[in-house]
Amino acid sequence: MVPPDSLEGEEHFVKAKDAALRFLTYRARSEAEVRRRLSKKYGPAVIEQVIETLLRQNFLDDSSFAQVWRDNRELHRPRAKRMVQQELRQLGVSSDVIQDSLEGYSDESNAYDAGIKLARKLASRNFSDEELRRRISSLLQRRGFSYGMVRETVEKLCGELGADSLHRQDDAKNHEEESQPPDTKADRDAQQSKQS
């Protein structure tokens, strides 16, 4: 092991710090992620020196990282609180920091947001109510929401979207009926009176 005070140690420190900064350019990282990455090429003394420097210069901050992770999940890929906790734990964030960053996290609103995004995406495909329910339920289960939360969210979404999907189906049915030619004089008369 090369002492960090020597010229060679300083060179290792500079290379390790540059590697850490490159690693941080892609996205925010936890302290543990940076340590793991650096441990592939550098010794503990150099890693410790780099971590201390990055912390002092505010390039590393697990609290900020956890908050950014939470915000990103809520905005782009809503999921259950317990899944976000698990992700942060796997990324090496301490339990206290996780608990602080997830304070006020609402499974109810995140389940609704995830479900409504999918429902809007599927709205133009004319799925049956049963198929729509199944697809939304599957997504919410994969995102870690409890069975009760999934059921509650699906009911709420289908209640809100039910009228819209019924109107779409009625409009499609009426358009289909209007586009077919009348068969008899009575049908033609009925259609003409409908249009008047």
N, C-alpha and C. Protein backbone atom coordinates (compact mmCIF):
# COMPACT_ATOMS: atom_id res chain seq x y z
N MET A 1 0.85 -1.18 0.00
CA MET A 1 0.00 0.00 0.00
C MET A 1 0.89 1.24 0.00
N VAL A 2 0.57 2.19 -0.85
CA VAL A 2 1.36 3.41 -0.96
C VAL A 2 0.79 4.47 -0.03
N PRO A 3 1.62 5.09 0.81
CA PRO A 3 1.10 6.13 1.69
C PRO A 3 0.58 7.31 0.88
N PRO A 4 -0.55 7.90 1.31
CA PRO A 4 -1.14 8.99 0.55
C PRO A 4 -0.27 10.24 0.47
N ASP A 5 0.74 10.37 1.37
CA ASP A 5 1.59 11.56 1.38
C ASP A 5 2.64 11.53 0.28
N SER A 6 3.01 10.35 -0.19
CA SER A 6 4.06 10.25 -1.19
C SER A 6 3.56 10.75 -2.54
N LEU A 7 4.51 10.97 -3.46
CA LEU A 7 4.17 11.44 -4.80
C LEU A 7 3.29 10.43 -5.52
N GLU A 8 3.64 9.17 -5.36
CA GLU A 8 2.84 8.11 -5.99
C GLU A 8 1.45 8.04 -5.35
N GLY A 9 1.38 8.25 -4.04
CA GLY A 9 0.10 8.27 -3.34
C GLY A 9 -0.77 9.42 -3.80
N GLU A 10 -0.15 10.57 -4.03
CA GLU A 10 -0.88 11.74 -4.54
C GLU A 10 -1.44 11.45 -5.93
N GLU A 11 -0.66 10.77 -6.74
CA GLU A 11 -1.10 10.41 -8.09
C GLU A 11 -2.31 9.47 -8.03
N HIS A 12 -2.25 8.49 -7.12
CA HIS A 12 -3.39 7.58 -6.94
C HIS A 12 -4.63 8.34 -6.48
N PHE A 13 -4.41 9.29 -5.55
CA PHE A 13 -5.53 10.09 -5.05
C PHE A 13 -6.19 10.87 -6.19
N VAL A 14 -5.38 11.52 -7.01
CA VAL A 14 -5.92 12.33 -8.12
C VAL A 14 -6.68 11.44 -9.10
N LYS A 15 -6.11 10.29 -9.43
CA LYS A 15 -6.79 9.37 -10.35
C LYS A 15 -8.10 8.85 -9.75
N ALA A 16 -8.06 8.51 -8.47
CA ALA A 16 -9.26 8.00 -7.80
C ALA A 16 -10.33 9.08 -7.72
N LYS A 17 -9.92 10.30 -7.42
CA LYS A 17 -10.89 11.40 -7.34
C LYS A 17 -11.50 11.66 -8.72
N ASP A 18 -10.69 11.65 -9.76
CA ASP A 18 -11.20 11.84 -11.13
C ASP A 18 -12.18 10.73 -11.50
N ALA A 19 -11.84 9.50 -11.13
CA ALA A 19 -12.73 8.37 -11.41
C ALA A 19 -14.06 8.55 -10.68
N ALA A 20 -14.00 8.99 -9.43
CA ALA A 20 -15.22 9.21 -8.65
C ALA A 20 -16.07 10.32 -9.25
N LEU A 21 -15.43 11.40 -9.67
CA LEU A 21 -16.17 12.51 -10.27
C LEU A 21 -16.82 12.10 -11.59
N ARG A 22 -16.11 11.31 -12.39
CA ARG A 22 -16.72 10.79 -13.64
C ARG A 22 -17.93 9.93 -13.31
N PHE A 23 -17.81 9.11 -12.29
CA PHE A 23 -18.90 8.23 -11.86
C PHE A 23 -20.11 9.05 -11.41
N LEU A 24 -19.85 10.20 -10.81
CA LEU A 24 -20.93 11.07 -10.32
C LEU A 24 -21.56 11.92 -11.42
N THR A 25 -20.96 11.97 -12.60
CA THR A 25 -21.53 12.81 -13.66
C THR A 25 -22.78 12.20 -14.27
N TYR A 26 -22.92 10.89 -14.23
CA TYR A 26 -24.07 10.23 -14.87
C TYR A 26 -25.35 10.43 -14.08
N ARG A 27 -25.24 10.35 -12.76
CA ARG A 27 -26.38 10.59 -11.87
C ARG A 27 -25.84 10.73 -10.46
N ALA A 28 -26.68 11.23 -9.56
CA ALA A 28 -26.28 11.31 -8.15
C ALA A 28 -26.02 9.89 -7.63
N ARG A 29 -25.08 9.76 -6.72
CA ARG A 29 -24.72 8.45 -6.16
C ARG A 29 -24.66 8.54 -4.65
N SER A 30 -24.85 7.38 -4.03
CA SER A 30 -24.67 7.30 -2.58
C SER A 30 -23.18 7.14 -2.29
N GLU A 31 -22.82 7.43 -1.06
CA GLU A 31 -21.42 7.26 -0.64
C GLU A 31 -20.99 5.81 -0.83
N ALA A 32 -21.86 4.87 -0.49
CA ALA A 32 -21.53 3.44 -0.61
C ALA A 32 -21.29 3.04 -2.06
N GLU A 33 -22.06 3.60 -2.99
CA GLU A 33 -21.84 3.29 -4.42
C GLU A 33 -20.46 3.74 -4.87
N VAL A 34 -20.07 4.94 -4.46
CA VAL A 34 -18.76 5.47 -4.84
C VAL A 34 -17.65 4.62 -4.22
N ARG A 35 -17.82 4.25 -2.95
CA ARG A 35 -16.83 3.39 -2.29
C ARG A 35 -16.67 2.06 -3.04
N ARG A 36 -17.80 1.45 -3.38
CA ARG A 36 -17.74 0.16 -4.10
C ARG A 36 -17.02 0.31 -5.42
N ARG A 37 -17.33 1.36 -6.14
CA ARG A 37 -16.73 1.58 -7.45
C ARG A 37 -15.21 1.77 -7.33
N LEU A 38 -14.81 2.58 -6.36
CA LEU A 38 -13.38 2.85 -6.19
C LEU A 38 -12.62 1.64 -5.67
N SER A 39 -13.29 0.78 -4.91
CA SER A 39 -12.61 -0.38 -4.32
C SER A 39 -12.14 -1.38 -5.37
N LYS A 40 -12.63 -1.25 -6.59
CA LYS A 40 -12.18 -2.14 -7.67
C LYS A 40 -10.74 -1.85 -8.09
N LYS A 41 -10.29 -0.60 -7.88
CA LYS A 41 -8.95 -0.23 -8.35
C LYS A 41 -8.05 0.38 -7.28
N TYR A 42 -8.62 0.86 -6.19
CA TYR A 42 -7.84 1.63 -5.22
C TYR A 42 -7.94 1.04 -3.83
N GLY A 43 -6.93 1.33 -3.02
CA GLY A 43 -6.87 0.84 -1.65
C GLY A 43 -7.71 1.68 -0.70
N PRO A 44 -7.95 1.15 0.52
CA PRO A 44 -8.80 1.82 1.50
C PRO A 44 -8.35 3.23 1.89
N ALA A 45 -7.04 3.46 2.00
CA ALA A 45 -6.56 4.79 2.41
C ALA A 45 -6.89 5.84 1.35
N VAL A 46 -6.67 5.50 0.09
CA VAL A 46 -6.96 6.43 -1.00
C VAL A 46 -8.47 6.66 -1.09
N ILE A 47 -9.25 5.59 -0.97
CA ILE A 47 -10.71 5.71 -1.03
C ILE A 47 -11.21 6.63 0.07
N GLU A 48 -10.69 6.43 1.28
CA GLU A 48 -11.12 7.25 2.42
C GLU A 48 -10.80 8.72 2.18
N GLN A 49 -9.63 8.98 1.65
CA GLN A 49 -9.22 10.36 1.36
C GLN A 49 -10.13 10.98 0.29
N VAL A 50 -10.45 10.23 -0.74
CA VAL A 50 -11.33 10.72 -1.81
C VAL A 50 -12.73 10.99 -1.27
N ILE A 51 -13.26 10.06 -0.48
CA ILE A 51 -14.61 10.21 0.08
C ILE A 51 -14.68 11.45 0.96
N GLU A 52 -13.68 11.63 1.83
CA GLU A 52 -13.66 12.81 2.70
C GLU A 52 -13.64 14.10 1.87
N THR A 53 -12.85 14.10 0.81
CA THR A 53 -12.78 15.28 -0.06
C THR A 53 -14.12 15.54 -0.74
N LEU A 54 -14.74 14.50 -1.27
CA LEU A 54 -16.03 14.66 -1.96
C LEU A 54 -17.13 15.10 -1.00
N LEU A 55 -17.09 14.60 0.22
CA LEU A 55 -18.07 15.02 1.23
C LEU A 55 -17.87 16.50 1.58
N ARG A 56 -16.62 16.88 1.76
CA ARG A 56 -16.29 18.26 2.12
C ARG A 56 -16.70 19.22 0.99
N GLN A 57 -16.56 18.79 -0.25
CA GLN A 57 -16.88 19.64 -1.41
C GLN A 57 -18.35 19.49 -1.85
N ASN A 58 -19.13 18.77 -1.05
CA ASN A 58 -20.57 18.56 -1.31
C ASN A 58 -20.88 17.83 -2.62
N PHE A 59 -19.95 17.01 -3.09
CA PHE A 59 -20.24 16.15 -4.23
C PHE A 59 -20.97 14.89 -3.79
N LEU A 60 -20.83 14.55 -2.52
CA LEU A 60 -21.51 13.39 -1.95
C LEU A 60 -22.35 13.84 -0.77
N ASP A 61 -23.60 13.42 -0.75
CA ASP A 61 -24.50 13.72 0.37
C ASP A 61 -25.65 12.72 0.29
N ASP A 62 -25.63 11.73 1.16
CA ASP A 62 -26.65 10.68 1.11
C ASP A 62 -28.05 11.22 1.32
N SER A 63 -28.22 12.26 2.12
CA SER A 63 -29.56 12.83 2.34
C SER A 63 -30.11 13.43 1.04
N SER A 64 -29.28 14.20 0.36
CA SER A 64 -29.70 14.78 -0.92
C SER A 64 -29.94 13.69 -1.95
N PHE A 65 -29.04 12.71 -1.97
CA PHE A 65 -29.19 11.60 -2.91
C PHE A 65 -30.52 10.88 -2.70
N ALA A 66 -30.85 10.57 -1.45
CA ALA A 66 -32.09 9.85 -1.16
C ALA A 66 -33.31 10.69 -1.55
N GLN A 67 -33.24 11.98 -1.34
CA GLN A 67 -34.36 12.86 -1.71
C GLN A 67 -34.53 12.92 -3.22
N VAL A 68 -33.42 13.01 -3.94
CA VAL A 68 -33.47 13.02 -5.41
C VAL A 68 -34.03 11.69 -5.92
N TRP A 69 -33.61 10.59 -5.31
CA TRP A 69 -34.10 9.26 -5.71
C TRP A 69 -35.61 9.19 -5.50
N ARG A 70 -36.08 9.64 -4.34
CA ARG A 70 -37.51 9.63 -4.03
C ARG A 70 -38.28 10.48 -5.06
N ASP A 71 -37.82 11.70 -5.29
CA ASP A 71 -38.50 12.61 -6.22
C ASP A 71 -38.56 12.01 -7.62
N ASN A 72 -37.46 11.40 -8.04
CA ASN A 72 -37.41 10.77 -9.35
C ASN A 72 -38.42 9.63 -9.45
N ARG A 73 -38.49 8.82 -8.41
CA ARG A 73 -39.45 7.71 -8.40
C ARG A 73 -40.88 8.23 -8.46
N GLU A 74 -41.18 9.23 -7.66
CA GLU A 74 -42.54 9.76 -7.63
C GLU A 74 -42.92 10.39 -8.97
N LEU A 75 -42.00 11.04 -9.61
CA LEU A 75 -42.29 11.74 -10.85
C LEU A 75 -42.35 10.81 -12.06
N HIS A 76 -41.39 9.90 -12.17
CA HIS A 76 -41.27 9.10 -13.39
C HIS A 76 -41.79 7.67 -13.28
N ARG A 77 -41.54 7.01 -12.18
CA ARG A 77 -41.96 5.62 -12.03
C ARG A 77 -42.49 5.39 -10.62
N PRO A 78 -43.69 5.90 -10.34
CA PRO A 78 -44.23 5.76 -8.99
C PRO A 78 -44.27 4.31 -8.55
N ARG A 79 -43.90 4.08 -7.31
CA ARG A 79 -43.91 2.73 -6.74
C ARG A 79 -44.16 2.81 -5.25
N ALA A 80 -44.35 1.66 -4.65
CA ALA A 80 -44.66 1.59 -3.23
C ALA A 80 -43.48 2.06 -2.39
N LYS A 81 -43.79 2.62 -1.24
CA LYS A 81 -42.78 3.12 -0.32
C LYS A 81 -41.77 2.04 0.05
N ARG A 82 -42.27 0.83 0.28
CA ARG A 82 -41.36 -0.24 0.70
C ARG A 82 -40.37 -0.60 -0.41
N MET A 83 -40.77 -0.44 -1.68
CA MET A 83 -39.84 -0.71 -2.78
C MET A 83 -38.76 0.36 -2.86
N VAL A 84 -39.15 1.61 -2.64
CA VAL A 84 -38.18 2.70 -2.65
C VAL A 84 -37.21 2.52 -1.48
N GLN A 85 -37.73 2.11 -0.31
CA GLN A 85 -36.86 1.83 0.84
C GLN A 85 -35.84 0.75 0.49
N GLN A 86 -36.31 -0.31 -0.14
CA GLN A 86 -35.44 -1.42 -0.51
C GLN A 86 -34.37 -0.97 -1.51
N GLU A 87 -34.76 -0.18 -2.49
CA GLU A 87 -33.79 0.32 -3.47
C GLU A 87 -32.70 1.15 -2.79
N LEU A 88 -33.12 2.06 -1.92
CA LEU A 88 -32.15 2.92 -1.22
C LEU A 88 -31.24 2.10 -0.31
N ARG A 89 -31.80 1.09 0.33
CA ARG A 89 -30.98 0.21 1.19
C ARG A 89 -29.93 -0.51 0.34
N GLN A 90 -30.34 -1.00 -0.84
CA GLN A 90 -29.40 -1.69 -1.72
C GLN A 90 -28.30 -0.75 -2.23
N LEU A 91 -28.62 0.53 -2.30
CA LEU A 91 -27.64 1.52 -2.75
C LEU A 91 -26.75 2.01 -1.62
N GLY A 92 -26.96 1.45 -0.42
CA GLY A 92 -26.08 1.73 0.71
C GLY A 92 -26.46 2.93 1.56
N VAL A 93 -27.68 3.40 1.45
CA VAL A 93 -28.12 4.54 2.25
C VAL A 93 -28.56 4.03 3.62
N SER A 94 -28.20 4.75 4.67
CA SER A 94 -28.53 4.31 6.04
C SER A 94 -30.03 4.40 6.30
N SER A 95 -30.49 3.59 7.24
CA SER A 95 -31.92 3.53 7.58
C SER A 95 -32.47 4.88 8.04
N ASP A 96 -31.68 5.62 8.82
CA ASP A 96 -32.13 6.94 9.30
C ASP A 96 -32.36 7.90 8.14
N VAL A 97 -31.43 7.91 7.20
CA VAL A 97 -31.55 8.80 6.04
C VAL A 97 -32.74 8.39 5.19
N ILE A 98 -32.93 7.08 5.02
CA ILE A 98 -34.07 6.58 4.25
C ILE A 98 -35.37 7.03 4.90
N GLN A 99 -35.46 6.83 6.20
CA GLN A 99 -36.68 7.21 6.93
C GLN A 99 -36.97 8.70 6.78
N ASP A 100 -35.95 9.53 6.92
CA ASP A 100 -36.13 10.98 6.77
C ASP A 100 -36.57 11.36 5.36
N SER A 101 -35.95 10.74 4.36
CA SER A 101 -36.25 11.11 2.97
C SER A 101 -37.64 10.66 2.53
N LEU A 102 -38.16 9.61 3.16
CA LEU A 102 -39.47 9.09 2.75
C LEU A 102 -40.61 9.57 3.66
N GLU A 103 -40.31 10.51 4.53
CA GLU A 103 -41.36 11.06 5.38
C GLU A 103 -42.42 11.73 4.50
N GLY A 104 -43.68 11.39 4.73
CA GLY A 104 -44.77 11.97 3.95
C GLY A 104 -44.99 11.29 2.60
N TYR A 105 -44.24 10.24 2.31
CA TYR A 105 -44.41 9.51 1.05
C TYR A 105 -45.76 8.82 1.07
N SER A 106 -46.56 9.02 0.06
CA SER A 106 -47.92 8.48 0.04
C SER A 106 -48.08 7.35 -0.97
N ASP A 107 -48.29 6.14 -0.45
CA ASP A 107 -48.55 5.01 -1.35
C ASP A 107 -49.83 5.25 -2.14
N GLU A 108 -50.81 5.85 -1.50
CA GLU A 108 -52.10 6.08 -2.16
C GLU A 108 -51.94 6.96 -3.41
N SER A 109 -51.29 8.09 -3.26
CA SER A 109 -51.15 8.99 -4.41
C SER A 109 -50.20 8.42 -5.46
N ASN A 110 -49.16 7.69 -5.03
CA ASN A 110 -48.24 7.09 -6.00
C ASN A 110 -48.90 5.95 -6.77
N ALA A 111 -49.73 5.17 -6.10
CA ALA A 111 -50.47 4.10 -6.80
C ALA A 111 -51.42 4.72 -7.82
N TYR A 112 -52.10 5.78 -7.41
CA TYR A 112 -53.03 6.45 -8.32
C TYR A 112 -52.27 7.02 -9.53
N ASP A 113 -51.14 7.69 -9.28
CA ASP A 113 -50.35 8.27 -10.37
C ASP A 113 -49.87 7.20 -11.35
N ALA A 114 -49.39 6.08 -10.83
CA ALA A 114 -48.93 4.99 -11.70
C ALA A 114 -50.09 4.42 -12.50
N GLY A 115 -51.23 4.23 -11.84
CA GLY A 115 -52.40 3.67 -12.51
C GLY A 115 -52.97 4.58 -13.57
N ILE A 116 -53.05 5.87 -13.28
CA ILE A 116 -53.65 6.80 -14.24
C ILE A 116 -52.76 6.97 -15.47
N LYS A 117 -51.43 6.91 -15.27
CA LYS A 117 -50.52 6.99 -16.42
C LYS A 117 -50.77 5.82 -17.37
N LEU A 118 -50.90 4.63 -16.82
CA LEU A 118 -51.15 3.46 -17.66
C LEU A 118 -52.53 3.54 -18.29
N ALA A 119 -53.53 3.94 -17.52
CA ALA A 119 -54.90 4.03 -18.05
C ALA A 119 -54.97 5.00 -19.22
N ARG A 120 -54.30 6.12 -19.12
CA ARG A 120 -54.29 7.10 -20.22
C ARG A 120 -53.60 6.52 -21.44
N LYS A 121 -52.53 5.79 -21.20
CA LYS A 121 -51.79 5.17 -22.30
C LYS A 121 -52.65 4.13 -23.02
N LEU A 122 -53.45 3.40 -22.25
CA LEU A 122 -54.27 2.33 -22.82
C LEU A 122 -55.64 2.80 -23.31
N ALA A 123 -56.00 4.04 -23.03
CA ALA A 123 -57.34 4.54 -23.32
C ALA A 123 -57.72 4.42 -24.79
N SER A 124 -56.78 4.62 -25.67
CA SER A 124 -57.09 4.61 -27.10
C SER A 124 -57.19 3.19 -27.67
N ARG A 125 -56.92 2.20 -26.89
CA ARG A 125 -56.88 0.82 -27.41
C ARG A 125 -58.18 0.06 -27.26
N ASN A 126 -59.20 0.68 -26.69
CA ASN A 126 -60.52 0.04 -26.53
C ASN A 126 -60.47 -1.31 -25.83
N PHE A 127 -59.78 -1.38 -24.71
CA PHE A 127 -59.77 -2.60 -23.91
C PHE A 127 -61.10 -2.72 -23.17
N SER A 128 -61.48 -3.94 -22.88
CA SER A 128 -62.66 -4.14 -22.04
C SER A 128 -62.31 -3.66 -20.63
N ASP A 129 -63.34 -3.38 -19.84
CA ASP A 129 -63.09 -2.94 -18.46
C ASP A 129 -62.29 -3.99 -17.70
N GLU A 130 -62.61 -5.26 -17.94
CA GLU A 130 -61.90 -6.35 -17.26
C GLU A 130 -60.42 -6.36 -17.62
N GLU A 131 -60.10 -6.18 -18.90
CA GLU A 131 -58.71 -6.18 -19.34
C GLU A 131 -57.97 -4.95 -18.79
N LEU A 132 -58.64 -3.81 -18.77
CA LEU A 132 -58.04 -2.60 -18.22
C LEU A 132 -57.73 -2.79 -16.74
N ARG A 133 -58.67 -3.36 -16.00
CA ARG A 133 -58.47 -3.63 -14.57
C ARG A 133 -57.27 -4.57 -14.37
N ARG A 134 -57.21 -5.61 -15.18
CA ARG A 134 -56.14 -6.60 -15.05
C ARG A 134 -54.77 -5.96 -15.30
N ARG A 135 -54.68 -5.14 -16.33
CA ARG A 135 -53.40 -4.51 -16.67
C ARG A 135 -52.95 -3.51 -15.60
N ILE A 136 -53.89 -2.72 -15.11
CA ILE A 136 -53.55 -1.75 -14.06
C ILE A 136 -53.14 -2.49 -12.79
N SER A 137 -53.90 -3.53 -12.43
CA SER A 137 -53.57 -4.32 -11.24
C SER A 137 -52.18 -4.93 -11.34
N SER A 138 -51.87 -5.49 -12.48
CA SER A 138 -50.55 -6.11 -12.68
C SER A 138 -49.43 -5.09 -12.52
N LEU A 139 -49.60 -3.92 -13.11
CA LEU A 139 -48.58 -2.89 -13.00
C LEU A 139 -48.37 -2.50 -11.54
N LEU A 140 -49.47 -2.25 -10.83
CA LEU A 140 -49.36 -1.80 -9.44
C LEU A 140 -48.74 -2.89 -8.55
N GLN A 141 -49.05 -4.14 -8.82
CA GLN A 141 -48.44 -5.23 -8.05
C GLN A 141 -46.94 -5.30 -8.31
N ARG A 142 -46.55 -5.14 -9.57
CA ARG A 142 -45.11 -5.16 -9.91
C ARG A 142 -44.38 -3.99 -9.26
N ARG A 143 -45.09 -2.90 -9.03
CA ARG A 143 -44.48 -1.73 -8.41
C ARG A 143 -44.51 -1.81 -6.88
N GLY A 144 -44.97 -2.94 -6.34
CA GLY A 144 -44.85 -3.20 -4.91
C GLY A 144 -46.00 -2.76 -4.03
N PHE A 145 -47.11 -2.36 -4.62
CA PHE A 145 -48.25 -1.93 -3.80
C PHE A 145 -48.98 -3.14 -3.24
N SER A 146 -49.54 -2.98 -2.04
CA SER A 146 -50.26 -4.07 -1.38
C SER A 146 -51.54 -4.40 -2.15
N TYR A 147 -52.05 -5.60 -1.90
CA TYR A 147 -53.28 -6.03 -2.58
C TYR A 147 -54.42 -5.05 -2.31
N GLY A 148 -54.56 -4.63 -1.06
CA GLY A 148 -55.62 -3.69 -0.70
C GLY A 148 -55.49 -2.37 -1.43
N MET A 149 -54.27 -1.86 -1.52
CA MET A 149 -54.02 -0.60 -2.22
C MET A 149 -54.29 -0.75 -3.72
N VAL A 150 -53.90 -1.89 -4.28
CA VAL A 150 -54.14 -2.15 -5.70
C VAL A 150 -55.64 -2.17 -5.97
N ARG A 151 -56.37 -2.92 -5.16
CA ARG A 151 -57.82 -3.04 -5.35
C ARG A 151 -58.50 -1.67 -5.24
N GLU A 152 -58.13 -0.93 -4.20
CA GLU A 152 -58.72 0.39 -3.96
C GLU A 152 -58.43 1.34 -5.13
N THR A 153 -57.19 1.33 -5.61
CA THR A 153 -56.79 2.22 -6.71
C THR A 153 -57.50 1.84 -8.00
N VAL A 154 -57.57 0.55 -8.29
CA VAL A 154 -58.24 0.11 -9.52
C VAL A 154 -59.71 0.50 -9.49
N GLU A 155 -60.37 0.32 -8.35
CA GLU A 155 -61.78 0.71 -8.23
C GLU A 155 -61.95 2.21 -8.46
N LYS A 156 -61.07 2.99 -7.85
CA LYS A 156 -61.15 4.45 -7.99
C LYS A 156 -60.94 4.85 -9.45
N LEU A 157 -59.92 4.29 -10.09
CA LEU A 157 -59.64 4.63 -11.48
C LEU A 157 -60.76 4.20 -12.41
N CYS A 158 -61.27 3.00 -12.21
CA CYS A 158 -62.35 2.51 -13.07
C CYS A 158 -63.62 3.33 -12.86
N GLY A 159 -63.84 3.77 -11.63
CA GLY A 159 -64.98 4.64 -11.36
C GLY A 159 -64.85 5.96 -12.11
N GLU A 160 -63.65 6.52 -12.09
CA GLU A 160 -63.41 7.78 -12.79
C GLU A 160 -63.41 7.60 -14.30
N LEU A 161 -62.80 6.52 -14.75
CA LEU A 161 -62.66 6.29 -16.19
C LEU A 161 -63.85 5.56 -16.78
N GLY A 162 -64.67 4.95 -15.94
CA GLY A 162 -65.80 4.17 -16.42
C GLY A 162 -66.72 4.97 -17.32
N ALA A 163 -67.09 6.16 -16.90
CA ALA A 163 -67.97 6.99 -17.70
C ALA A 163 -67.30 7.34 -19.02
N ASP A 164 -66.02 7.67 -18.98
CA ASP A 164 -65.30 8.01 -20.20
C ASP A 164 -65.25 6.84 -21.16
N SER A 165 -64.94 5.64 -20.64
CA SER A 165 -64.84 4.49 -21.54
C SER A 165 -66.21 4.10 -22.08
N LEU A 166 -67.26 4.27 -21.26
CA LEU A 166 -68.61 3.98 -21.75
C LEU A 166 -68.98 4.96 -22.86
N HIS A 167 -68.64 6.22 -22.70
CA HIS A 167 -68.93 7.21 -23.73
C HIS A 167 -68.17 6.89 -25.01
N ARG A 168 -66.92 6.47 -24.88
CA ARG A 168 -66.14 6.10 -26.06
C ARG A 168 -66.78 4.93 -26.77
N GLN A 169 -67.24 3.92 -25.99
CA GLN A 169 -67.86 2.75 -26.59
C GLN A 169 -69.18 3.13 -27.25
N ASP A 170 -69.99 4.00 -26.60
CA ASP A 170 -71.25 4.45 -27.18
C ASP A 170 -71.01 5.24 -28.46
N ASP A 171 -70.02 6.12 -28.44
CA ASP A 171 -69.70 6.91 -29.63
C ASP A 171 -69.28 6.01 -30.78
N ALA A 172 -68.46 5.01 -30.48
CA ALA A 172 -68.01 4.08 -31.52
C ALA A 172 -69.19 3.29 -32.07
N LYS A 173 -70.10 2.87 -31.19
CA LYS A 173 -71.27 2.11 -31.61
C LYS A 173 -72.18 2.97 -32.48
N ASN A 174 -72.44 4.22 -32.06
CA ASN A 174 -73.28 5.12 -32.83
C ASN A 174 -72.67 5.43 -34.19
N HIS A 175 -71.36 5.64 -34.21
CA HIS A 175 -70.68 5.92 -35.47
C HIS A 175 -70.79 4.71 -36.41
N GLU A 176 -70.67 3.53 -35.85
CA GLU A 176 -70.76 2.30 -36.64
C GLU A 176 -72.16 2.16 -37.23
N GLU A 177 -73.19 2.42 -36.41
CA GLU A 177 -74.57 2.31 -36.88
C GLU A 177 -74.86 3.34 -37.96
N GLU A 178 -74.36 4.56 -37.81
CA GLU A 178 -74.61 5.62 -38.78
C GLU A 178 -73.90 5.36 -40.09
N SER A 179 -72.79 4.68 -40.05
CA SER A 179 -72.02 4.47 -41.27
C SER A 179 -72.55 3.30 -42.11
N GLN A 180 -73.44 2.47 -41.55
CA GLN A 180 -74.00 1.36 -42.31
C GLN A 180 -75.19 1.85 -43.13
N PRO A 181 -75.31 1.41 -44.38
CA PRO A 181 -76.43 1.86 -45.22
C PRO A 181 -77.75 1.28 -44.71
N PRO A 182 -78.84 2.07 -44.81
CA PRO A 182 -80.14 1.55 -44.40
C PRO A 182 -80.60 0.42 -45.31
N ASP A 183 -81.29 -0.57 -44.73
CA ASP A 183 -81.71 -1.74 -45.48
C ASP A 183 -83.09 -1.55 -46.12
N THR A 184 -83.98 -0.95 -45.41
CA THR A 184 -85.35 -0.84 -45.92
C THR A 184 -85.76 0.63 -45.96
N LYS A 185 -86.93 0.86 -46.58
CA LYS A 185 -87.45 2.23 -46.63
C LYS A 185 -87.71 2.72 -45.22
N ALA A 186 -88.20 1.86 -44.32
CA ALA A 186 -88.47 2.25 -42.94
C ALA A 186 -87.17 2.64 -42.23
N ASP A 187 -86.08 1.88 -42.49
CA ASP A 187 -84.78 2.21 -41.90
C ASP A 187 -84.28 3.56 -42.41
N ARG A 188 -84.45 3.78 -43.73
CA ARG A 188 -84.01 5.05 -44.31
C ARG A 188 -84.80 6.21 -43.72
N ASP A 189 -86.12 6.02 -43.57
CA ASP A 189 -86.96 7.07 -42.99
C ASP A 189 -86.55 7.35 -41.54
N ALA A 190 -86.27 6.29 -40.79
CA ALA A 190 -85.87 6.44 -39.38
C ALA A 190 -84.55 7.19 -39.28
N GLN A 191 -83.61 6.85 -40.16
CA GLN A 191 -82.31 7.51 -40.13
C GLN A 191 -82.44 8.98 -40.54
N GLN A 192 -83.30 9.26 -41.52
CA GLN A 192 -83.49 10.65 -41.94
C GLN A 192 -84.11 11.47 -40.83
N SER A 193 -85.09 10.89 -40.12
CA SER A 193 -85.72 11.63 -39.03
C SER A 193 -84.74 11.83 -37.87
N LYS A 194 -83.83 10.89 -37.69
CA LYS A 194 -82.79 11.00 -36.65
C LYS A 194 -81.84 12.15 -36.97
N GLN A 195 -81.50 12.30 -38.25
CA GLN A 195 -80.56 13.34 -38.67
C GLN A 195 -81.19 14.72 -38.68
N SER A 196 -82.52 14.81 -38.77
CA SER A 196 -83.21 16.11 -38.82
C SER A 196 -83.35 16.77 -37.50
